[in-house]
Amino acid sequence: GSGTQSLNIPFTRGEYQIILHAGDNVLAEHNISVGGGTLSASSSAAAGTSVDVTWAGPTRAGAQVSLIAAGDEISNNYDAFSVNSAQGRGTQSLLLPDTAGEYEIILHSGDSILARRNLSVTL
C-alpha cells in the first residue's frame, strides 16, 4: 500500500533517518538533514520600542523567538512569541526593554537554539 503521513521533525540540528519497518524487517530508509533556523531583524533599535523579527525553521509546540540580554539564560527573556506555524516561517514584533545594552534574539525550543541574532538597544 501507499499513503502520506506527517512526522515531527527534531528541533536539534543533525542527520537523521526515516525508516519504514515491519517489526525488525526494514522495508525502506531515507536520510534527512535538519538544518538550523534563520532570524532577520534590525541590528540596533531604540529602547522601549518594538522590532520586527522574521523567522524560519522547524516548529513544534513550545518553540519560541525570545529576546534575552547577551549571554543570559533563555529563561530570563524580556519578551517572546510562539512560532507554532504550519508554514515554518513568519514575522512578528518583539518589545524591547527600556534599558540600553547588548541583547540577543534567539529561535529556540527549551534550551535547543536554532538561530540567534545580536541586537544593540540604544537610548
PDB file of N, CA and C in Angstrom:
ATOM      1  N   GLY A   1       0.813  -1.175   0.000  1.00  0.00           N
ATOM      2  CA  GLY A   1       0.000   0.000   0.000  1.00  0.00           C
ATOM      3  C   GLY A   1       0.857   1.239   0.000  1.00  0.00           C
ATOM      4  N   SER A   2       0.193   2.362  -0.057  1.00  0.00           N
ATOM      5  CA  SER A   2       0.900   3.645  -0.021  1.00  0.00           C
ATOM      6  C   SER A   2       0.069   4.622   0.781  1.00  0.00           C
ATOM      7  N   GLY A   3       0.682   5.722   1.140  1.00  0.00           N
ATOM      8  CA  GLY A   3      -0.017   6.744   1.904  1.00  0.00           C
ATOM      9  C   GLY A   3       0.932   7.861   2.296  1.00  0.00           C
ATOM     10  N   THR A   4       0.363   8.881   2.887  1.00  0.00           N
ATOM     11  CA  THR A   4       1.133  10.024   3.339  1.00  0.00           C
ATOM     12  C   THR A   4       0.897  10.214   4.824  1.00  0.00           C
ATOM     13  N   GLN A   5       1.939  10.500   5.537  1.00  0.00           N
ATOM     14  CA  GLN A   5       1.851  10.718   6.979  1.00  0.00           C
ATOM     15  C   GLN A   5       2.802  11.836   7.364  1.00  0.00           C
ATOM     16  N   SER A   6       2.387  12.707   8.263  1.00  0.00           N
ATOM     17  CA  SER A   6       3.262  13.760   8.772  1.00  0.00           C
ATOM     18  C   SER A   6       4.101  13.223   9.926  1.00  0.00           C
ATOM     19  N   LEU A   7       5.348  13.659   9.983  1.00  0.00           N
ATOM     20  CA  LEU A   7       6.252  13.307  11.074  1.00  0.00           C
ATOM     21  C   LEU A   7       6.735  14.588  11.742  1.00  0.00           C
ATOM     22  N   ASN A   8       6.930  14.531  13.043  1.00  0.00           N
ATOM     23  CA  ASN A   8       7.531  15.665  13.748  1.00  0.00           C
ATOM     24  C   ASN A   8       9.031  15.643  13.510  1.00  0.00           C
ATOM     25  N   ILE A   9       9.544  16.730  12.956  1.00  0.00           N
ATOM     26  CA  ILE A   9      10.975  16.847  12.691  1.00  0.00           C
ATOM     27  C   ILE A   9      11.670  17.244  13.994  1.00  0.00           C
ATOM     28  N   PRO A  10      12.814  16.639  14.306  1.00  0.00           N
ATOM     29  CA  PRO A  10      13.535  17.034  15.518  1.00  0.00           C
ATOM     30  C   PRO A  10      13.930  18.507  15.456  1.00  0.00           C
ATOM     31  N   PHE A  11      13.994  19.152  16.616  1.00  0.00           N
ATOM     32  CA  PHE A  11      14.357  20.563  16.669  1.00  0.00           C
ATOM     33  C   PHE A  11      15.864  20.748  16.753  1.00  0.00           C
ATOM     34  N   THR A  12      16.596  19.675  16.965  1.00  0.00           N
ATOM     35  CA  THR A  12      18.049  19.744  17.079  1.00  0.00           C
ATOM     36  C   THR A  12      18.681  19.449  15.728  1.00  0.00           C
ATOM     37  N   ARG A  13      19.648  20.302  15.329  1.00  0.00           N
ATOM     38  CA  ARG A  13      20.348  20.089  14.069  1.00  0.00           C
ATOM     39  C   ARG A  13      21.021  18.728  14.060  1.00  0.00           C
ATOM     40  N   GLY A  14      21.087  18.124  12.879  1.00  0.00           N
ATOM     41  CA  GLY A  14      21.792  16.854  12.761  1.00  0.00           C
ATOM     42  C   GLY A  14      21.290  16.017  11.611  1.00  0.00           C
ATOM     43  N   GLU A  15      21.863  14.846  11.493  1.00  0.00           N
ATOM     44  CA  GLU A  15      21.496  13.890  10.461  1.00  0.00           C
ATOM     45  C   GLU A  15      20.575  12.839  11.084  1.00  0.00           C
ATOM     46  N   TYR A  16      19.486  12.528  10.393  1.00  0.00           N
ATOM     47  CA  TYR A  16      18.504  11.574  10.897  1.00  0.00           C
ATOM     48  C   TYR A  16      18.094  10.615   9.787  1.00  0.00           C
ATOM     49  N   GLN A  17      17.440   9.523  10.164  1.00  0.00           N
ATOM     50  CA  GLN A  17      16.907   8.564   9.202  1.00  0.00           C
ATOM     51  C   GLN A  17      15.423   8.366   9.456  1.00  0.00           C
ATOM     52  N   ILE A  18      14.677   8.303   8.372  1.00  0.00           N
ATOM     53  CA  ILE A  18      13.280   7.876   8.422  1.00  0.00           C
ATOM     54  C   ILE A  18      13.284   6.427   7.957  1.00  0.00           C
ATOM     55  N   ILE A  19      12.753   5.549   8.786  1.00  0.00           N
ATOM     56  CA  ILE A  19      12.794   4.117   8.481  1.00  0.00           C
ATOM     57  C   ILE A  19      11.377   3.559   8.469  1.00  0.00           C
ATOM     58  N   LEU A  20      11.025   2.904   7.383  1.00  0.00           N
ATOM     59  CA  LEU A  20       9.771   2.166   7.285  1.00  0.00           C
ATOM     60  C   LEU A  20      10.108   0.711   7.610  1.00  0.00           C
ATOM     61  N   HIS A  21       9.426   0.190   8.609  1.00  0.00           N
ATOM     62  CA  HIS A  21       9.752  -1.176   9.015  1.00  0.00           C
ATOM     63  C   HIS A  21       8.497  -1.937   9.422  1.00  0.00           C
ATOM     64  N   ALA A  22       8.621  -3.244   9.392  1.00  0.00           N
ATOM     65  CA  ALA A  22       7.603  -4.163   9.907  1.00  0.00           C
ATOM     66  C   ALA A  22       8.324  -5.014  10.936  1.00  0.00           C
ATOM     67  N   GLY A  23       8.151  -4.664  12.210  1.00  0.00           N
ATOM     68  CA  GLY A  23       8.919  -5.329  13.249  1.00  0.00           C
ATOM     69  C   GLY A  23      10.391  -5.028  13.062  1.00  0.00           C
ATOM     70  N   ASP A  24      11.221  -6.061  12.993  1.00  0.00           N
ATOM     71  CA  ASP A  24      12.666  -5.872  12.788  1.00  0.00           C
ATOM     72  C   ASP A  24      13.051  -5.821  11.318  1.00  0.00           C
ATOM     73  N   ASN A  25      12.085  -5.984  10.419  1.00  0.00           N
ATOM     74  CA  ASN A  25      12.346  -6.001   8.988  1.00  0.00           C
ATOM     75  C   ASN A  25      12.278  -4.581   8.412  1.00  0.00           C
ATOM     76  N   VAL A  26      13.424  -4.036   7.978  1.00  0.00           N
ATOM     77  CA  VAL A  26      13.479  -2.695   7.396  1.00  0.00           C
ATOM     78  C   VAL A  26      13.040  -2.775   5.939  1.00  0.00           C
ATOM     79  N   LEU A  27      11.988  -1.994   5.606  1.00  0.00           N
ATOM     80  CA  LEU A  27      11.437  -2.001   4.252  1.00  0.00           C
ATOM     81  C   LEU A  27      11.983  -0.864   3.399  1.00  0.00           C
ATOM     82  N   ALA A  28      12.283   0.269   4.031  1.00  0.00           N
ATOM     83  CA  ALA A  28      12.825   1.418   3.295  1.00  0.00           C
ATOM     84  C   ALA A  28      13.469   2.373   4.291  1.00  0.00           C
ATOM     85  N   GLU A  29      14.470   3.119   3.812  1.00  0.00           N
ATOM     86  CA  GLU A  29      15.151   4.111   4.628  1.00  0.00           C
ATOM     87  C   GLU A  29      15.340   5.388   3.815  1.00  0.00           C
ATOM     88  N   HIS A  30      15.330   6.513   4.510  1.00  0.00           N
ATOM     89  CA  HIS A  30      15.601   7.790   3.847  1.00  0.00           C
ATOM     90  C   HIS A  30      16.348   8.692   4.835  1.00  0.00           C
ATOM     91  N   ASN A  31      17.488   9.231   4.412  1.00  0.00           N
ATOM     92  CA  ASN A  31      18.268  10.135   5.257  1.00  0.00           C
ATOM     93  C   ASN A  31      17.765  11.562   5.117  1.00  0.00           C
ATOM     94  N   ILE A  32      17.701  12.280   6.238  1.00  0.00           N
ATOM     95  CA  ILE A  32      17.341  13.694   6.198  1.00  0.00           C
ATOM     96  C   ILE A  32      18.349  14.475   7.032  1.00  0.00           C
ATOM     97  N   SER A  33      18.530  15.702   6.659  1.00  0.00           N
ATOM     98  CA  SER A  33      19.401  16.602   7.403  1.00  0.00           C
ATOM     99  C   SER A  33      18.542  17.741   7.941  1.00  0.00           C
ATOM    100  N   VAL A  34      18.590  17.953   9.247  1.00  0.00           N
ATOM    101  CA  VAL A  34      17.848  19.043   9.864  1.00  0.00           C
ATOM    102  C   VAL A  34      18.824  20.189  10.061  1.00  0.00           C
ATOM    103  N   GLY A  35      18.548  21.288   9.385  1.00  0.00           N
ATOM    104  CA  GLY A  35      19.403  22.457   9.493  1.00  0.00           C
ATOM    105  C   GLY A  35      18.908  23.396  10.562  1.00  0.00           C
ATOM    106  N   GLY A  36      19.539  24.502  10.645  1.00  0.00           N
ATOM    107  CA  GLY A  36      19.147  25.500  11.623  1.00  0.00           C
ATOM    108  C   GLY A  36      18.037  26.378  11.114  1.00  0.00           C
ATOM    109  N   GLY A  37      17.622  27.271  11.940  1.00  0.00           N
ATOM    110  CA  GLY A  37      16.626  28.259  11.565  1.00  0.00           C
ATOM    111  C   GLY A  37      17.312  29.546  11.168  1.00  0.00           C
ATOM    112  N   THR A  38      16.531  30.509  10.755  1.00  0.00           N
ATOM    113  CA  THR A  38      17.064  31.830  10.421  1.00  0.00           C
ATOM    114  C   THR A  38      16.243  32.898  11.123  1.00  0.00           C
ATOM    115  N   LEU A  39      16.903  33.995  11.420  1.00  0.00           N
ATOM    116  CA  LEU A  39      16.270  35.172  12.017  1.00  0.00           C
ATOM    117  C   LEU A  39      16.730  36.404  11.268  1.00  0.00           C
ATOM    118  N   SER A  40      15.809  37.307  10.986  1.00  0.00           N
ATOM    119  CA  SER A  40      16.140  38.599  10.396  1.00  0.00           C
ATOM    120  C   SER A  40      15.510  39.675  11.262  1.00  0.00           C
ATOM    121  N   ALA A  41      16.308  40.700  11.591  1.00  0.00           N
ATOM    122  CA  ALA A  41      15.827  41.830  12.377  1.00  0.00           C
ATOM    123  C   ALA A  41      16.870  42.928  12.280  1.00  0.00           C
ATOM    124  N   SER A  42      16.488  44.129  12.663  1.00  0.00           N
ATOM    125  CA  SER A  42      17.456  45.219  12.726  1.00  0.00           C
ATOM    126  C   SER A  42      18.581  44.838  13.670  1.00  0.00           C
ATOM    127  N   SER A  43      19.766  45.377  13.427  1.00  0.00           N
ATOM    128  CA  SER A  43      20.890  45.105  14.325  1.00  0.00           C
ATOM    129  C   SER A  43      20.911  46.091  15.493  1.00  0.00           C
ATOM    130  N   SER A  44      20.123  47.175  15.394  1.00  0.00           N
ATOM    131  CA  SER A  44      20.008  48.116  16.510  1.00  0.00           C
ATOM    132  C   SER A  44      18.634  48.773  16.477  1.00  0.00           C
ATOM    133  N   ALA A  45      18.160  49.143  17.663  1.00  0.00           N
ATOM    134  CA  ALA A  45      16.858  49.790  17.786  1.00  0.00           C
ATOM    135  C   ALA A  45      16.824  50.550  19.104  1.00  0.00           C
ATOM    136  N   ALA A  46      15.888  51.501  19.210  1.00  0.00           N
ATOM    137  CA  ALA A  46      15.773  52.340  20.409  1.00  0.00           C
ATOM    138  C   ALA A  46      15.078  51.583  21.541  1.00  0.00           C
ATOM    139  N   ALA A  47      15.544  51.844  22.747  1.00  0.00           N
ATOM    140  CA  ALA A  47      14.952  51.244  23.950  1.00  0.00           C
ATOM    141  C   ALA A  47      13.471  51.594  24.026  1.00  0.00           C
ATOM    142  N   GLY A  48      12.659  50.658  24.497  1.00  0.00           N
ATOM    143  CA  GLY A  48      11.239  50.888  24.693  1.00  0.00           C
ATOM    144  C   GLY A  48      10.392  50.813  23.435  1.00  0.00           C
ATOM    145  N   THR A  49      11.017  50.523  22.299  1.00  0.00           N
ATOM    146  CA  THR A  49      10.260  50.393  21.048  1.00  0.00           C
ATOM    147  C   THR A  49      10.100  48.900  20.728  1.00  0.00           C
ATOM    148  N   SER A  50       9.580  48.614  19.554  1.00  0.00           N
ATOM    149  CA  SER A  50       9.449  47.230  19.091  1.00  0.00           C
ATOM    150  C   SER A  50      10.323  47.028  17.875  1.00  0.00           C
ATOM    151  N   VAL A  51      10.712  45.793  17.643  1.00  0.00           N
ATOM    152  CA  VAL A  51      11.465  45.435  16.448  1.00  0.00           C
ATOM    153  C   VAL A  51      10.772  44.240  15.800  1.00  0.00           C
ATOM    154  N   ASP A  52      10.600  44.310  14.474  1.00  0.00           N
ATOM    155  CA  ASP A  52      10.024  43.187  13.737  1.00  0.00           C
ATOM    156  C   ASP A  52      11.078  42.112  13.529  1.00  0.00           C
ATOM    157  N   VAL A  53      10.700  40.874  13.792  1.00  0.00           N
ATOM    158  CA  VAL A  53      11.591  39.725  13.632  1.00  0.00           C
ATOM    159  C   VAL A  53      10.958  38.771  12.633  1.00  0.00           C
ATOM    160  N   THR A  54      11.704  38.426  11.599  1.00  0.00           N
ATOM    161  CA  THR A  54      11.272  37.417  10.638  1.00  0.00           C
ATOM    162  C   THR A  54      12.061  36.152  10.926  1.00  0.00           C
ATOM    163  N   TRP A  55      11.358  35.054  11.079  1.00  0.00           N
ATOM    164  CA  TRP A  55      11.990  33.786  11.427  1.00  0.00           C
ATOM    165  C   TRP A  55      11.591  32.710  10.432  1.00  0.00           C
ATOM    166  N   ALA A  56      12.419  31.682  10.328  1.00  0.00           N
ATOM    167  CA  ALA A  56      12.106  30.492   9.534  1.00  0.00           C
ATOM    168  C   ALA A  56      12.837  29.314  10.154  1.00  0.00           C
ATOM    169  N   GLY A  57      12.188  28.170  10.129  1.00  0.00           N
ATOM    170  CA  GLY A  57      12.809  26.966  10.665  1.00  0.00           C
ATOM    171  C   GLY A  57      11.758  25.985  11.115  1.00  0.00           C
ATOM    172  N   PRO A  58      12.201  24.822  11.590  1.00  0.00           N
ATOM    173  CA  PRO A  58      11.246  23.832  12.074  1.00  0.00           C
ATOM    174  C   PRO A  58      10.479  24.373  13.277  1.00  0.00           C
ATOM    175  N   THR A  59       9.247  23.981  13.402  1.00  0.00           N
ATOM    176  CA  THR A  59       8.442  24.438  14.534  1.00  0.00           C
ATOM    177  C   THR A  59       7.869  23.236  15.267  1.00  0.00           C
ATOM    178  N   ARG A  60       7.555  23.460  16.508  1.00  0.00           N
ATOM    179  CA  ARG A  60       6.867  22.450  17.302  1.00  0.00           C
ATOM    180  C   ARG A  60       6.311  23.150  18.529  1.00  0.00           C
ATOM    181  N   ALA A  61       5.465  22.462  19.251  1.00  0.00           N
ATOM    182  CA  ALA A  61       4.889  23.048  20.458  1.00  0.00           C
ATOM    183  C   ALA A  61       6.015  23.501  21.380  1.00  0.00           C
ATOM    184  N   GLY A  62       5.912  24.706  21.873  1.00  0.00           N
ATOM    185  CA  GLY A  62       6.915  25.249  22.781  1.00  0.00           C
ATOM    186  C   GLY A  62       8.018  26.035  22.097  1.00  0.00           C
ATOM    187  N   ALA A  63       8.080  26.014  20.769  1.00  0.00           N
ATOM    188  CA  ALA A  63       9.111  26.773  20.066  1.00  0.00           C
ATOM    189  C   ALA A  63       8.804  28.263  20.187  1.00  0.00           C
ATOM    190  N   GLN A  64       9.857  29.059  20.386  1.00  0.00           N
ATOM    191  CA  GLN A  64       9.681  30.496  20.581  1.00  0.00           C
ATOM    192  C   GLN A  64      10.808  31.287  19.952  1.00  0.00           C
ATOM    193  N   VAL A  65      10.520  32.559  19.710  1.00  0.00           N
ATOM    194  CA  VAL A  65      11.548  33.561  19.468  1.00  0.00           C
ATOM    195  C   VAL A  65      11.562  34.408  20.731  1.00  0.00           C
ATOM    196  N   SER A  66      12.741  34.561  21.326  1.00  0.00           N
ATOM    197  CA  SER A  66      12.867  35.297  22.584  1.00  0.00           C
ATOM    198  C   SER A  66      13.942  36.361  22.485  1.00  0.00           C
ATOM    199  N   LEU A  67      13.804  37.383  23.318  1.00  0.00           N
ATOM    200  CA  LEU A  67      14.810  38.434  23.456  1.00  0.00           C
ATOM    201  C   LEU A  67      15.442  38.284  24.832  1.00  0.00           C
ATOM    202  N   ILE A  68      16.780  38.115  24.860  1.00  0.00           N
ATOM    203  CA  ILE A  68      17.496  37.986  26.124  1.00  0.00           C
ATOM    204  C   ILE A  68      18.683  38.939  26.128  1.00  0.00           C
ATOM    205  N   ALA A  69      19.176  39.280  27.311  1.00  0.00           N
ATOM    206  CA  ALA A  69      20.428  40.029  27.406  1.00  0.00           C
ATOM    207  C   ALA A  69      21.546  39.131  26.887  1.00  0.00           C
ATOM    208  N   ALA A  70      22.520  39.708  26.184  1.00  0.00           N
ATOM    209  CA  ALA A  70      23.611  38.916  25.620  1.00  0.00           C
ATOM    210  C   ALA A  70      24.257  38.067  26.706  1.00  0.00           C
ATOM    211  N   GLY A  71      24.373  36.766  26.449  1.00  0.00           N
ATOM    212  CA  GLY A  71      24.999  35.848  27.383  1.00  0.00           C
ATOM    213  C   GLY A  71      24.121  35.382  28.528  1.00  0.00           C
ATOM    214  N   ASP A  72      22.881  35.835  28.584  1.00  0.00           N
ATOM    215  CA  ASP A  72      21.984  35.468  29.686  1.00  0.00           C
ATOM    216  C   ASP A  72      21.300  34.133  29.408  1.00  0.00           C
ATOM    217  N   GLU A  73      20.630  33.602  30.424  1.00  0.00           N
ATOM    218  CA  GLU A  73      19.877  32.359  30.297  1.00  0.00           C
ATOM    219  C   GLU A  73      18.605  32.595  29.482  1.00  0.00           C
ATOM    220  N   ILE A  74      18.182  31.575  28.745  1.00  0.00           N
ATOM    221  CA  ILE A  74      16.974  31.669  27.928  1.00  0.00           C
ATOM    222  C   ILE A  74      15.749  32.000  28.781  1.00  0.00           C
ATOM    223  N   SER A  75      15.701  31.459  29.990  1.00  0.00           N
ATOM    224  CA  SER A  75      14.527  31.663  30.850  1.00  0.00           C
ATOM    225  C   SER A  75      14.378  33.110  31.313  1.00  0.00           C
ATOM    226  N   ASN A  76      15.422  33.916  31.163  1.00  0.00           N
ATOM    227  CA  ASN A  76      15.373  35.321  31.582  1.00  0.00           C
ATOM    228  C   ASN A  76      15.008  36.240  30.422  1.00  0.00           C
ATOM    229  N   ASN A  77      14.019  35.849  29.616  1.00  0.00           N
ATOM    230  CA  ASN A  77      13.698  36.651  28.436  1.00  0.00           C
ATOM    231  C   ASN A  77      12.888  37.890  28.797  1.00  0.00           C
ATOM    232  N   TYR A  78      13.090  38.923  27.982  1.00  0.00           N
ATOM    233  CA  TYR A  78      12.349  40.178  28.140  1.00  0.00           C
ATOM    234  C   TYR A  78      11.012  40.121  27.427  1.00  0.00           C
ATOM    235  N   ASP A  79      10.985  39.449  26.301  1.00  0.00           N
ATOM    236  CA  ASP A  79       9.764  39.298  25.531  1.00  0.00           C
ATOM    237  C   ASP A  79       9.937  38.050  24.671  1.00  0.00           C
ATOM    238  N   ALA A  80       8.833  37.426  24.288  1.00  0.00           N
ATOM    239  CA  ALA A  80       8.899  36.207  23.482  1.00  0.00           C
ATOM    240  C   ALA A  80       7.586  36.035  22.740  1.00  0.00           C
ATOM    241  N   PHE A  81       7.638  35.286  21.634  1.00  0.00           N
ATOM    242  CA  PHE A  81       6.413  34.886  20.953  1.00  0.00           C
ATOM    243  C   PHE A  81       6.568  33.464  20.435  1.00  0.00           C
ATOM    244  N   SER A  82       5.448  32.773  20.339  1.00  0.00           N
ATOM    245  CA  SER A  82       5.406  31.393  19.882  1.00  0.00           C
ATOM    246  C   SER A  82       5.590  31.339  18.373  1.00  0.00           C
ATOM    247  N   VAL A  83       6.255  30.291  17.876  1.00  0.00           N
ATOM    248  CA  VAL A  83       6.470  30.130  16.438  1.00  0.00           C
ATOM    249  C   VAL A  83       5.786  28.872  15.916  1.00  0.00           C
ATOM    250  N   ASN A  84       4.663  28.516  16.498  1.00  0.00           N
ATOM    251  CA  ASN A  84       3.904  27.353  16.033  1.00  0.00           C
ATOM    252  C   ASN A  84       3.140  27.714  14.771  1.00  0.00           C
ATOM    253  N   SER A  85       3.766  27.533  13.636  1.00  0.00           N
ATOM    254  CA  SER A  85       3.169  27.888  12.350  1.00  0.00           C
ATOM    255  C   SER A  85       3.352  26.729  11.383  1.00  0.00           C
ATOM    256  N   ALA A  86       2.311  26.353  10.721  1.00  0.00           N
ATOM    257  CA  ALA A  86       2.398  25.265   9.745  1.00  0.00           C
ATOM    258  C   ALA A  86       3.326  25.623   8.589  1.00  0.00           C
ATOM    259  N   GLN A  87       3.494  26.919   8.323  1.00  0.00           N
ATOM    260  CA  GLN A  87       4.342  27.347   7.220  1.00  0.00           C
ATOM    261  C   GLN A  87       5.827  27.301   7.582  1.00  0.00           C
ATOM    262  N   GLY A  88       6.174  27.249   8.871  1.00  0.00           N
ATOM    263  CA  GLY A  88       7.573  27.220   9.286  1.00  0.00           C
ATOM    264  C   GLY A  88       8.276  28.550   9.134  1.00  0.00           C
ATOM    265  N   ARG A  89       7.508  29.642   9.083  1.00  0.00           N
ATOM    266  CA  ARG A  89       8.113  30.984   8.966  1.00  0.00           C
ATOM    267  C   ARG A  89       7.062  32.023   9.335  1.00  0.00           C
ATOM    268  N   GLY A  90       7.521  33.211   9.624  1.00  0.00           N
ATOM    269  CA  GLY A  90       6.597  34.285   9.948  1.00  0.00           C
ATOM    270  C   GLY A  90       7.335  35.532  10.393  1.00  0.00           C
ATOM    271  N   THR A  91       6.580  36.592  10.642  1.00  0.00           N
ATOM    272  CA  THR A  91       7.125  37.856  11.134  1.00  0.00           C
ATOM    273  C   THR A  91       6.252  38.332  12.273  1.00  0.00           C
ATOM    274  N   GLN A  92       6.884  38.771  13.338  1.00  0.00           N
ATOM    275  CA  GLN A  92       6.164  39.282  14.496  1.00  0.00           C
ATOM    276  C   GLN A  92       7.069  40.271  15.215  1.00  0.00           C
ATOM    277  N   SER A  93       6.486  41.093  16.084  1.00  0.00           N
ATOM    278  CA  SER A  93       7.255  42.113  16.800  1.00  0.00           C
ATOM    279  C   SER A  93       7.650  41.653  18.197  1.00  0.00           C
ATOM    280  N   LEU A  94       8.845  42.086  18.612  1.00  0.00           N
ATOM    281  CA  LEU A  94       9.303  41.908  19.983  1.00  0.00           C
ATOM    282  C   LEU A  94       9.393  43.282  20.625  1.00  0.00           C
ATOM    283  N   LEU A  95       8.906  43.399  21.846  1.00  0.00           N
ATOM    284  CA  LEU A  95       9.000  44.642  22.606  1.00  0.00           C
ATOM    285  C   LEU A  95      10.374  44.713  23.253  1.00  0.00           C
ATOM    286  N   LEU A  96      11.072  45.828  23.060  1.00  0.00           N
ATOM    287  CA  LEU A  96      12.416  45.990  23.598  1.00  0.00           C
ATOM    288  C   LEU A  96      12.371  46.586  24.999  1.00  0.00           C
ATOM    289  N   PRO A  97      13.355  46.239  25.836  1.00  0.00           N
ATOM    290  CA  PRO A  97      13.394  46.792  27.190  1.00  0.00           C
ATOM    291  C   PRO A  97      13.728  48.284  27.163  1.00  0.00           C
ATOM    292  N   ASP A  98      13.495  48.950  28.282  1.00  0.00           N
ATOM    293  CA  ASP A  98      13.802  50.378  28.403  1.00  0.00           C
ATOM    294  C   ASP A  98      15.279  50.636  28.688  1.00  0.00           C
ATOM    295  N   THR A  99      16.040  49.575  28.912  1.00  0.00           N
ATOM    296  CA  THR A  99      17.460  49.693  29.244  1.00  0.00           C
ATOM    297  C   THR A  99      18.314  49.433  28.016  1.00  0.00           C
ATOM    298  N   ALA A 100      19.224  50.371  27.720  1.00  0.00           N
ATOM    299  CA  ALA A 100      20.150  50.196  26.603  1.00  0.00           C
ATOM    300  C   ALA A 100      21.129  49.076  26.924  1.00  0.00           C
ATOM    301  N   GLY A 101      21.630  48.408  25.889  1.00  0.00           N
ATOM    302  CA  GLY A 101      22.615  47.347  26.085  1.00  0.00           C
ATOM    303  C   GLY A 101      22.638  46.386  24.919  1.00  0.00           C
ATOM    304  N   GLU A 102      23.403  45.327  25.085  1.00  0.00           N
ATOM    305  CA  GLU A 102      23.531  44.295  24.055  1.00  0.00           C
ATOM    306  C   GLU A 102      22.593  43.143  24.380  1.00  0.00           C
ATOM    307  N   TYR A 103      21.830  42.713  23.380  1.00  0.00           N
ATOM    308  CA  TYR A 103      20.826  41.675  23.548  1.00  0.00           C
ATOM    309  C   TYR A 103      20.975  40.656  22.424  1.00  0.00           C
ATOM    310  N   GLU A 104      20.275  39.533  22.564  1.00  0.00           N
ATOM    311  CA  GLU A 104      20.220  38.516  21.523  1.00  0.00           C
ATOM    312  C   GLU A 104      18.767  38.150  21.271  1.00  0.00           C
ATOM    313  N   ILE A 105      18.438  37.986  19.999  1.00  0.00           N
ATOM    314  CA  ILE A 105      17.151  37.419  19.599  1.00  0.00           C
ATOM    315  C   ILE A 105      17.455  35.973  19.259  1.00  0.00           C
ATOM    316  N   ILE A 106      16.720  35.039  19.866  1.00  0.00           N
ATOM    317  CA  ILE A 106      17.002  33.621  19.639  1.00  0.00           C
ATOM    318  C   ILE A 106      15.742  32.872  19.223  1.00  0.00           C
ATOM    319  N   LEU A 107      15.904  31.926  18.308  1.00  0.00           N
ATOM    320  CA  LEU A 107      14.859  30.978  17.926  1.00  0.00           C
ATOM    321  C   LEU A 107      15.194  29.684  18.652  1.00  0.00           C
ATOM    322  N   HIS A 108      14.288  29.217  19.517  1.00  0.00           N
ATOM    323  CA  HIS A 108      14.618  28.071  20.355  1.00  0.00           C
ATOM    324  C   HIS A 108      13.381  27.276  20.750  1.00  0.00           C
ATOM    325  N   SER A 109      13.641  26.077  21.234  1.00  0.00           N
ATOM    326  CA  SER A 109      12.636  25.258  21.907  1.00  0.00           C
ATOM    327  C   SER A 109      13.326  24.740  23.151  1.00  0.00           C
ATOM    328  N   GLY A 110      12.876  25.184  24.306  1.00  0.00           N
ATOM    329  CA  GLY A 110      13.591  24.858  25.532  1.00  0.00           C
ATOM    330  C   GLY A 110      14.991  25.432  25.445  1.00  0.00           C
ATOM    331  N   ASP A 111      15.995  24.591  25.705  1.00  0.00           N
ATOM    332  CA  ASP A 111      17.389  25.035  25.640  1.00  0.00           C
ATOM    333  C   ASP A 111      18.037  24.801  24.285  1.00  0.00           C
ATOM    334  N   SER A 112      17.308  24.224  23.332  1.00  0.00           N
ATOM    335  CA  SER A 112      17.849  23.985  21.992  1.00  0.00           C
ATOM    336  C   SER A 112      17.694  25.248  21.155  1.00  0.00           C
ATOM    337  N   ILE A 113      18.820  25.842  20.761  1.00  0.00           N
ATOM    338  CA  ILE A 113      18.813  27.085  19.986  1.00  0.00           C
ATOM    339  C   ILE A 113      19.115  26.763  18.528  1.00  0.00           C
ATOM    340  N   LEU A 114      18.210  27.206  17.636  1.00  0.00           N
ATOM    341  CA  LEU A 114      18.404  27.009  16.199  1.00  0.00           C
ATOM    342  C   LEU A 114      19.045  28.209  15.521  1.00  0.00           C
ATOM    343  N   ALA A 115      18.769  29.396  16.024  1.00  0.00           N
ATOM    344  CA  ALA A 115      19.323  30.599  15.398  1.00  0.00           C
ATOM    345  C   ALA A 115      19.396  31.704  16.438  1.00  0.00           C
ATOM    346  N   ARG A 116      20.344  32.609  16.236  1.00  0.00           N
ATOM    347  CA  ARG A 116      20.456  33.770  17.118  1.00  0.00           C
ATOM    348  C   ARG A 116      20.921  34.977  16.318  1.00  0.00           C
ATOM    349  N   ARG A 117      20.559  36.147  16.800  1.00  0.00           N
ATOM    350  CA  ARG A 117      20.936  37.409  16.144  1.00  0.00           C
ATOM    351  C   ARG A 117      21.207  38.436  17.228  1.00  0.00           C
ATOM    352  N   ASN A 118      22.335  39.154  17.086  1.00  0.00           N
ATOM    353  CA  ASN A 118      22.676  40.209  18.038  1.00  0.00           C
ATOM    354  C   ASN A 118      21.843  41.449  17.774  1.00  0.00           C
ATOM    355  N   LEU A 119      21.524  42.156  18.855  1.00  0.00           N
ATOM    356  CA  LEU A 119      20.722  43.387  18.761  1.00  0.00           C
ATOM    357  C   LEU A 119      21.260  44.388  19.776  1.00  0.00           C
ATOM    358  N   SER A 120      21.616  45.576  19.332  1.00  0.00           N
ATOM    359  CA  SER A 120      22.040  46.657  20.224  1.00  0.00           C
ATOM    360  C   SER A 120      20.821  47.526  20.501  1.00  0.00           C
ATOM    361  N   VAL A 121      20.481  47.690  21.774  1.00  0.00           N
ATOM    362  CA  VAL A 121      19.382  48.560  22.170  1.00  0.00           C
ATOM    363  C   VAL A 121      20.002  49.860  22.659  1.00  0.00           C
ATOM    364  N   THR A 122      19.594  50.965  22.028  1.00  0.00           N
ATOM    365  CA  THR A 122      20.167  52.273  22.314  1.00  0.00           C
ATOM    366  C   THR A 122      19.159  53.193  22.967  1.00  0.00           C
ATOM    367  N   LEU A 123      19.646  54.230  23.617  1.00  0.00           N
ATOM    368  CA  LEU A 123      18.738  55.223  24.222  1.00  0.00           C
ATOM    369  C   LEU A 123      18.278  56.225  23.196  1.00  0.00           C
TER     370      LEU A 123
END
